């Protein structure tokens, strides 16, 4: 898989840009603030319908404009797909596939698969559990795009159920009473969608584990082994969640979620928040017997983040095969790495069907990576090699 063409209009700092790309390595070189990462972000929006930098669409539209657009041509297994997206904050976004409108933008998911490694990835290692949940969810969606719908439905249920918990709890405290049958219905929805999401996460983690461990052994050969686990409030009732090779069936997880929801309902009504579900889980990262958070050095943290991304890339490449493998995007990361980690990353980038690299200066990119070079400066992108 590779991106043959990318065009953006009123996206971030870019008024208009058309960029022709090709298989192999493409390096975008420009000083900080020239818009390199904005172009990467546009690619990411095509791949994930979201930004790796912000949680809302409003910052993606150029100042003073109402909407932004992204057009891309993607070649996969010898077939070209044209994806067009229109981003309008406060309104439903629009999408076209090969010129035909699609009912929902998420129907274009899977047209472009990517793996991004960026400085923000250190948050996966050192940030709060939400960063790690987002990482594993995005990997699960890349493997199975239908999970994007499950994830969206689960988020919708959480919002609706939280509002109902607050109103029901307030009614009970005031002595007016409240019919909780509606809450039973939302419990069922939470358990159903939560079980599907959890199965997707566990299966993604199970298949990622050996790839990430192997990648970490390459980038940090003198360190302890990287381990990946999963923490959930359901572990007590479902001890198989601690088995790295086991993925319980969705029906089993759904029943466990319903039972847990029944047990904590008084506390949920009292506090007015959702206390049970995948939104409270975490991915455990360890080096040997110690957790990464609080024990890993800065260099080890970078190595873990790099291993998670390289492991994700190798996993997706092995599952989809040559011709449909994800593109690899490396956004200003070579400057952050020492010589050995640069070498390992360059080896992977060099064998990718398409690798897109950004750098402030050419010297940040290992010499062994050839390919095309683009100069990004003053609102223009110019190919120089």
Protein backbone atom coordinates (compact mmCIF):
# COMPACT_ATOMS: atom_id res chain seq x y z
CA UNK A 1 0.00 0.00 0.00
CA UNK A 2 1.17 3.52 -0.75
CA UNK A 3 -0.23 7.03 -1.08
CA UNK A 4 0.19 8.25 -4.65
CA UNK A 5 -1.27 11.71 -4.14
CA UNK A 6 -2.25 13.98 -1.27
CA UNK A 7 -4.02 17.32 -1.59
CA UNK A 8 -5.22 19.52 1.27
CA UNK A 9 -7.21 22.74 1.26
CA UNK A 10 -7.48 25.01 4.30
CA UNK A 11 -6.10 22.28 6.54
CA UNK A 12 -4.09 23.59 9.51
CA UNK A 13 -1.53 26.05 8.12
CA UNK A 14 -1.98 24.97 4.50
CA UNK A 15 -4.16 27.01 2.18
CA UNK A 16 -3.60 24.63 -0.70
CA UNK A 17 -1.03 21.97 -1.46
CA UNK A 18 -0.81 19.10 -3.94
CA UNK A 19 1.79 16.46 -3.29
CA UNK A 20 2.70 13.57 -5.58
CA UNK A 21 4.28 10.64 -3.77
CA UNK A 22 5.64 7.24 -4.76
CA UNK A 23 6.61 3.93 -3.18
CA UNK A 24 9.76 3.84 -1.11
CA UNK A 25 11.12 6.54 1.15
CA UNK A 26 9.98 10.16 0.95
CA UNK A 27 11.58 12.71 3.27
CA UNK A 28 9.94 16.07 4.01
CA UNK A 29 12.61 18.51 5.22
CA UNK A 30 11.86 21.89 6.72
CA UNK A 31 12.39 24.03 9.79
CA UNK A 32 9.99 23.79 12.70
CA UNK A 33 6.68 25.52 12.06
CA UNK A 34 6.72 25.07 8.27
CA UNK A 35 3.86 22.54 8.22
CA UNK A 36 5.53 19.13 7.83
CA UNK A 37 3.59 17.55 10.67
CA UNK A 38 0.37 19.14 9.38
CA UNK A 39 0.75 17.12 6.17
CA UNK A 40 1.38 13.97 8.22
CA UNK A 41 -1.71 14.82 10.26
CA UNK A 42 -3.80 15.00 7.08
CA UNK A 43 -2.67 11.51 6.13
CA UNK A 44 -3.54 10.33 9.61
CA UNK A 45 -7.02 11.79 9.31
CA UNK A 46 -7.60 9.72 6.19
CA UNK A 47 -6.38 6.61 8.02
CA UNK A 48 -8.15 7.11 11.36
CA UNK A 49 -10.69 9.98 10.99
CA UNK A 50 -8.90 11.69 13.84
CA UNK A 51 -5.80 13.61 14.77
CA UNK A 52 -2.90 12.29 16.81
CA UNK A 53 -2.38 15.81 18.20
CA UNK A 54 -5.83 17.16 19.14
CA UNK A 55 -9.13 15.63 20.18
CA UNK A 56 -11.47 17.88 18.19
CA UNK A 57 -11.68 18.93 14.54
CA UNK A 58 -11.80 22.70 15.07
CA UNK A 59 -8.00 23.24 15.17
CA UNK A 60 -7.66 21.35 11.87
CA UNK A 61 -9.39 24.09 9.86
CA UNK A 62 -7.20 27.00 8.79
CA UNK A 63 -7.88 30.16 10.77
CA UNK A 64 -10.73 32.20 9.32
CA UNK A 65 -12.12 29.35 7.18
CA UNK A 66 -15.30 27.32 7.66
CA UNK A 67 -14.07 23.93 6.49
CA UNK A 68 -11.05 21.96 5.36
CA UNK A 69 -10.71 19.24 2.77
CA UNK A 70 -8.35 16.35 2.17
CA UNK A 71 -8.08 14.38 -1.07
CA UNK A 72 -5.92 11.29 -1.42
CA UNK A 73 -5.21 8.57 -3.94
CA UNK A 74 -4.18 5.28 -2.34
CA UNK A 75 -2.83 2.25 -4.19
CA UNK A 76 -3.48 -1.09 -2.47
CA UNK A 77 -2.96 -4.50 -4.06
CA UNK A 78 -2.65 -2.82 -7.43
CA UNK A 79 -6.02 -1.05 -7.11
CA UNK A 80 -6.36 2.70 -6.65
CA UNK A 81 -8.84 4.18 -4.18
CA UNK A 82 -9.67 7.87 -4.07
CA UNK A 83 -10.73 9.16 -0.65
CA UNK A 84 -12.09 12.67 -0.17
CA UNK A 85 -12.94 14.18 3.22
CA UNK A 86 -14.59 17.47 4.13
CA UNK A 87 -14.12 18.61 7.73
CA UNK A 88 -16.61 21.13 9.09
CA UNK A 89 -16.41 21.73 12.86
CA UNK A 90 -19.79 21.63 14.54
CA UNK A 91 -21.36 19.71 11.66
CA UNK A 92 -21.18 16.18 10.32
CA UNK A 93 -18.12 15.61 8.18
CA UNK A 94 -18.55 14.31 4.64
CA UNK A 95 -16.64 11.61 2.79
CA UNK A 96 -16.43 10.24 -0.73
CA UNK A 97 -14.91 7.01 -1.95
CA UNK A 98 -13.96 6.94 -5.64
CA UNK A 99 -16.16 9.99 -6.19
CA UNK A 100 -19.29 8.54 -4.58
CA UNK A 101 -20.54 9.91 -1.23
CA UNK A 102 -20.65 7.38 1.61
CA UNK A 103 -23.40 7.50 4.28
CA UNK A 104 -20.91 7.68 7.15
CA UNK A 105 -17.27 8.80 7.02
CA UNK A 106 -16.12 5.74 8.99
CA UNK A 107 -16.95 3.62 5.94
CA UNK A 108 -13.67 4.77 4.40
CA UNK A 109 -11.65 3.29 7.28
CA UNK A 110 -9.33 0.60 5.97
CA UNK A 111 -8.72 2.38 2.68
CA UNK A 112 -5.45 3.65 4.17
CA UNK A 113 -3.57 1.86 6.91
CA UNK A 114 -0.69 3.61 8.59
CA UNK A 115 1.65 3.31 11.53
CA UNK A 116 2.91 6.61 12.93
CA UNK A 117 5.88 7.07 15.21
CA UNK A 118 6.04 10.61 16.62
CA UNK A 119 7.43 12.40 19.69
CA UNK A 120 3.91 12.34 21.16
CA UNK A 121 4.22 8.55 21.45
CA UNK A 122 6.22 8.93 24.65
CA UNK A 123 2.82 9.64 26.26
CA UNK A 124 1.83 6.01 25.61
CA UNK A 125 4.61 5.01 27.98
CA UNK A 126 4.53 7.84 30.52
CA UNK A 127 0.98 9.21 30.18
CA UNK A 128 -2.30 8.25 31.78
CA UNK A 129 -4.18 5.02 30.93
CA UNK A 130 -6.25 6.84 28.30
CA UNK A 131 -3.15 7.12 26.10
CA UNK A 132 -2.58 3.37 26.20
CA UNK A 133 -6.25 2.60 25.63
CA UNK A 134 -6.19 4.86 22.59
CA UNK A 135 -3.08 3.11 21.27
CA UNK A 136 -4.53 -0.40 21.52
CA UNK A 137 -7.95 0.73 20.22
CA UNK A 138 -6.40 2.28 17.12
CA UNK A 139 -4.43 -0.89 16.47
CA UNK A 140 -7.58 -2.98 16.89
CA UNK A 141 -9.47 -0.74 14.43
CA UNK A 142 -6.61 -0.94 11.92
CA UNK A 143 -6.91 -4.73 12.04
CA UNK A 144 -10.72 -4.70 11.94
CA UNK A 145 -12.31 -1.39 10.81
CA UNK A 146 -15.77 -2.48 12.00
CA UNK A 147 -14.53 -1.88 15.55
CA UNK A 148 -14.63 1.85 14.84
CA UNK A 149 -18.40 1.58 14.94
CA UNK A 150 -18.29 -0.48 18.12
CA UNK A 151 -16.00 2.07 19.72
CA UNK A 152 -18.26 4.96 18.71
CA UNK A 153 -21.35 3.14 19.98
CA UNK A 154 -19.64 2.41 23.28
CA UNK A 155 -18.71 6.08 23.75
CA UNK A 156 -22.30 7.09 22.99
CA UNK A 157 -23.61 4.60 25.58
CA UNK A 158 -21.21 5.94 28.21
CA UNK A 159 -22.48 9.50 27.71
CA UNK A 160 -26.16 8.52 27.78
CA UNK A 161 -25.71 6.24 30.77
CA UNK A 162 -23.71 8.83 32.73
CA UNK A 163 -26.48 11.38 32.24
CA UNK A 164 -29.06 8.83 33.41
CA UNK A 165 -26.98 7.90 36.47
CA UNK A 166 -26.77 11.54 37.51
CA UNK A 167 -30.49 12.18 37.14
CA UNK A 168 -31.47 8.89 38.79
CA UNK A 169 -29.06 9.39 41.67
CA UNK A 170 -30.32 12.92 42.29
CA UNK A 171 -33.94 11.70 42.26
CA UNK A 172 -33.20 8.98 44.79
CA UNK A 173 -31.40 11.37 47.13
CA UNK A 174 -34.32 13.80 47.00
CA UNK A 175 -36.72 11.00 47.91
CA UNK A 176 -38.77 11.36 44.72
CA UNK A 177 -37.83 7.90 43.53
CA UNK A 178 -37.01 6.91 39.96
CA UNK A 179 -37.79 4.01 37.63
CA UNK A 180 -34.47 2.27 36.96
CA UNK A 181 -35.72 0.06 34.14
CA UNK A 182 -34.22 2.46 31.59
CA UNK A 183 -30.87 2.06 33.31
CA UNK A 184 -31.19 -1.71 32.90
CA UNK A 185 -31.50 -1.18 29.14
CA UNK A 186 -28.37 0.97 29.04
CA UNK A 187 -26.55 -1.62 31.15
CA UNK A 188 -27.28 -4.11 28.38
CA UNK A 189 -25.95 -1.78 25.70
CA UNK A 190 -22.78 -1.06 27.70
CA UNK A 191 -22.14 -4.76 28.27
CA UNK A 192 -22.78 -5.66 24.62
CA UNK A 193 -20.56 -2.99 23.04
CA UNK A 194 -18.00 -3.14 25.86
CA UNK A 195 -17.57 -6.90 25.39
CA UNK A 196 -16.95 -6.50 21.65
CA UNK A 197 -14.46 -3.70 22.26
CA UNK A 198 -12.66 -5.71 24.92
CA UNK A 199 -12.37 -8.76 22.65
CA UNK A 200 -10.84 -6.53 19.95
CA UNK A 201 -8.34 -5.09 22.42
CA UNK A 202 -7.33 -8.44 23.87
CA UNK A 203 -6.86 -10.01 20.44
CA UNK A 204 -4.80 -7.02 19.25
CA UNK A 205 -2.66 -7.24 22.39
CA UNK A 206 -2.23 -11.00 22.03
CA UNK A 207 -0.97 -10.71 18.47
CA UNK A 208 1.12 -7.59 19.12
CA UNK A 209 2.96 -9.06 22.12
CA UNK A 210 5.62 -11.14 20.29
CA UNK A 211 6.25 -8.47 17.64
CA UNK A 212 6.73 -5.72 20.24
CA UNK A 213 8.96 -7.93 22.40
CA UNK A 214 11.15 -8.77 19.41
CA UNK A 215 11.37 -5.12 18.37
CA UNK A 216 12.36 -4.08 21.88
CA UNK A 217 15.06 -6.75 22.01
CA UNK A 218 16.53 -5.23 18.84
CA UNK A 219 16.47 -1.59 19.95
CA UNK A 220 17.52 -2.28 23.57
CA UNK A 221 19.44 -5.58 23.54
CA UNK A 222 20.97 -5.06 26.99
CA UNK A 223 17.66 -4.28 28.72
CA UNK A 224 15.16 -6.63 30.37
CA UNK A 225 12.41 -8.08 28.19
CA UNK A 226 9.36 -6.00 27.32
CA UNK A 227 6.07 -7.40 28.61
CA UNK A 228 2.51 -6.36 27.78
CA UNK A 229 -0.44 -7.13 30.03
CA UNK A 230 -4.01 -5.96 30.51
CA UNK A 231 -5.63 -4.58 33.65
CA UNK A 232 -9.39 -4.76 34.11
CA UNK A 233 -11.85 -4.74 36.99
CA UNK A 234 -13.21 -7.96 35.47
CA UNK A 235 -10.03 -9.91 36.25
CA UNK A 236 -11.44 -11.20 39.55
CA UNK A 237 -14.43 -12.79 37.83
CA UNK A 238 -12.55 -13.59 34.62
CA UNK A 239 -9.04 -14.70 35.65
CA UNK A 240 -8.38 -15.78 32.04
CA UNK A 241 -7.87 -12.09 31.26
CA UNK A 242 -4.42 -12.48 32.79
CA UNK A 243 -3.57 -15.29 30.35
CA UNK A 244 -1.61 -13.67 27.47
CA UNK A 245 -2.82 -16.33 25.03
CA UNK A 246 -6.50 -16.32 25.99
CA UNK A 247 -9.26 -14.16 24.54
CA UNK A 248 -12.62 -14.94 26.18
CA UNK A 249 -15.70 -15.01 23.97
CA UNK A 250 -17.75 -11.82 23.80
CA UNK A 251 -20.75 -13.53 25.43
CA UNK A 252 -18.64 -14.50 28.45
CA UNK A 253 -17.32 -10.96 28.86
CA UNK A 254 -20.79 -9.50 28.37
CA UNK A 255 -22.17 -11.65 31.20
CA UNK A 256 -19.28 -10.64 33.47
CA UNK A 257 -19.86 -6.94 32.70
CA UNK A 258 -23.57 -7.24 33.50
CA UNK A 259 -22.79 -8.94 36.81
CA UNK A 260 -20.23 -6.27 37.72
CA UNK A 261 -22.65 -3.48 36.78
CA UNK A 262 -25.26 -4.95 39.09
CA UNK A 263 -22.75 -5.07 41.96
CA UNK A 264 -21.60 -1.46 41.63
CA UNK A 265 -24.93 0.16 40.79
CA UNK A 266 -25.39 1.76 44.24
CA UNK A 267 -21.96 3.37 43.98
CA UNK A 268 -22.61 4.53 40.41
CA UNK A 269 -25.92 6.13 41.42
CA UNK A 270 -24.23 7.83 44.35
CA UNK A 271 -21.36 9.22 42.27
CA UNK A 272 -23.16 9.65 38.95
CA UNK A 273 -20.35 8.10 36.88
CA UNK A 274 -19.71 4.90 34.92
CA UNK A 275 -17.49 2.74 37.11
CA UNK A 276 -17.35 -0.43 35.02
CA UNK A 277 -16.19 -1.07 31.48
CA UNK A 278 -13.23 -0.98 29.08
CA UNK A 279 -13.03 2.81 29.47
CA UNK A 280 -11.44 2.22 32.90
CA UNK A 281 -8.93 -0.45 31.82
CA UNK A 282 -5.21 -0.13 31.15
CA UNK A 283 -2.44 -1.78 29.16
CA UNK A 284 0.39 -2.78 31.49
CA UNK A 285 3.90 -2.17 30.13
CA UNK A 286 6.75 -3.86 31.95
CA UNK A 287 10.48 -4.45 31.67
CA UNK A 288 11.18 -7.76 33.28
CA UNK A 289 9.37 -7.76 36.62
CA UNK A 290 9.13 -3.98 36.91
CA UNK A 291 6.52 -1.59 35.45
CA UNK A 292 7.79 0.85 32.85
CA UNK A 293 6.13 3.82 34.54
CA UNK A 294 8.23 4.96 37.46
CA UNK A 295 11.17 2.65 36.74
CA UNK A 296 12.23 3.02 33.11
CA UNK A 297 14.86 5.59 32.19
CA UNK A 298 14.18 8.21 29.54
CA UNK A 299 16.05 6.12 26.96
CA UNK A 300 14.18 2.98 27.93
CA UNK A 301 10.90 4.88 27.61
CA UNK A 302 11.78 5.88 24.07
CA UNK A 303 12.76 2.29 23.32
CA UNK A 304 9.41 1.00 24.57
CA UNK A 305 7.47 3.56 22.52
CA UNK A 306 9.52 2.68 19.44
CA UNK A 307 9.03 -1.05 20.02
CA UNK A 308 5.25 -0.63 20.29
CA UNK A 309 5.13 1.17 16.95
CA UNK A 310 7.56 -1.15 15.18
CA UNK A 311 5.69 -4.12 16.60
CA UNK A 312 2.40 -2.69 15.32
CA UNK A 313 3.91 -2.19 11.88
CA UNK A 314 5.27 -5.75 11.72
CA UNK A 315 1.95 -7.14 12.95
CA UNK A 316 -0.11 -5.32 10.32
CA UNK A 317 2.40 -6.13 7.60
CA UNK A 318 2.26 -9.84 8.47
CA UNK A 319 -1.55 -9.86 8.51
CA UNK A 320 -2.21 -7.89 5.32
CA UNK A 321 0.81 -8.90 3.26
CA UNK A 322 2.86 -7.13 0.62
CA UNK A 323 0.79 -4.75 -1.45
CA UNK A 324 -1.66 -4.02 1.38
CA UNK A 325 0.76 -3.41 4.24
CA UNK A 326 0.48 -0.08 6.10
CA UNK A 327 2.54 2.95 5.22
CA UNK A 328 5.13 3.87 7.84
CA UNK A 329 5.25 7.51 8.94
CA UNK A 330 8.13 8.82 11.07
CA UNK A 331 7.49 12.36 12.24
CA UNK A 332 10.58 14.17 13.55
CA UNK A 333 11.79 11.19 15.56
CA UNK A 334 15.30 10.49 14.26
CA UNK A 335 16.59 13.58 16.08
CA UNK A 336 15.31 12.09 19.35
CA UNK A 337 17.10 8.75 19.00
CA UNK A 338 20.65 7.59 19.55
CA UNK A 339 22.69 5.89 16.83
CA UNK A 340 21.62 2.31 17.57
CA UNK A 341 17.90 3.15 17.69
CA UNK A 342 18.24 5.20 14.49
CA UNK A 343 19.83 2.22 12.79
CA UNK A 344 17.03 -0.14 13.78
CA UNK A 345 14.35 2.31 12.68
CA UNK A 346 16.12 2.94 9.38
CA UNK A 347 16.23 -0.81 8.68
CA UNK A 348 12.45 -1.05 9.00
CA UNK A 349 11.80 2.15 7.03
CA UNK A 350 14.07 0.98 4.24
CA UNK A 351 12.05 -2.19 3.62
CA UNK A 352 8.60 -0.57 3.90
CA UNK A 353 6.56 -0.31 0.72
CA UNK A 354 6.20 3.38 1.58
CA UNK A 355 7.86 5.35 4.38
CA UNK A 356 7.21 9.05 4.86
CA UNK A 357 9.71 10.82 7.07
CA UNK A 358 9.81 14.39 8.36
CA UNK A 359 12.95 16.10 9.63
CA UNK A 360 14.09 19.61 10.48
CA UNK A 361 17.42 19.06 8.73
CA UNK A 362 18.61 16.43 6.26
CA UNK A 363 21.40 15.33 8.62
CA UNK A 364 18.78 13.98 11.06
CA UNK A 365 17.90 11.23 8.55
CA UNK A 366 20.29 8.26 8.29
CA UNK A 367 22.35 8.37 5.10
CA UNK A 368 21.36 4.83 4.11
CA UNK A 369 17.78 5.98 3.54
CA UNK A 370 17.63 7.20 -0.04
CA UNK A 371 14.43 8.01 -1.87
CA UNK A 372 12.74 11.29 -2.66
CA UNK A 373 13.43 14.56 -0.85
CA UNK A 374 10.97 17.45 -0.50
CA UNK A 375 11.69 20.95 0.77
CA UNK A 376 8.88 22.37 2.93
CA UNK A 377 9.11 26.14 3.29
CA UNK A 378 6.88 29.24 3.30
CA UNK A 379 3.67 27.45 2.40
CA UNK A 380 5.12 25.37 -0.45
CA UNK A 381 6.35 21.82 -0.93
CA UNK A 382 9.02 21.37 -3.60
CA UNK A 383 10.68 18.14 -4.64
CA UNK A 384 14.44 18.56 -4.72
CA UNK A 385 15.51 14.96 -5.39
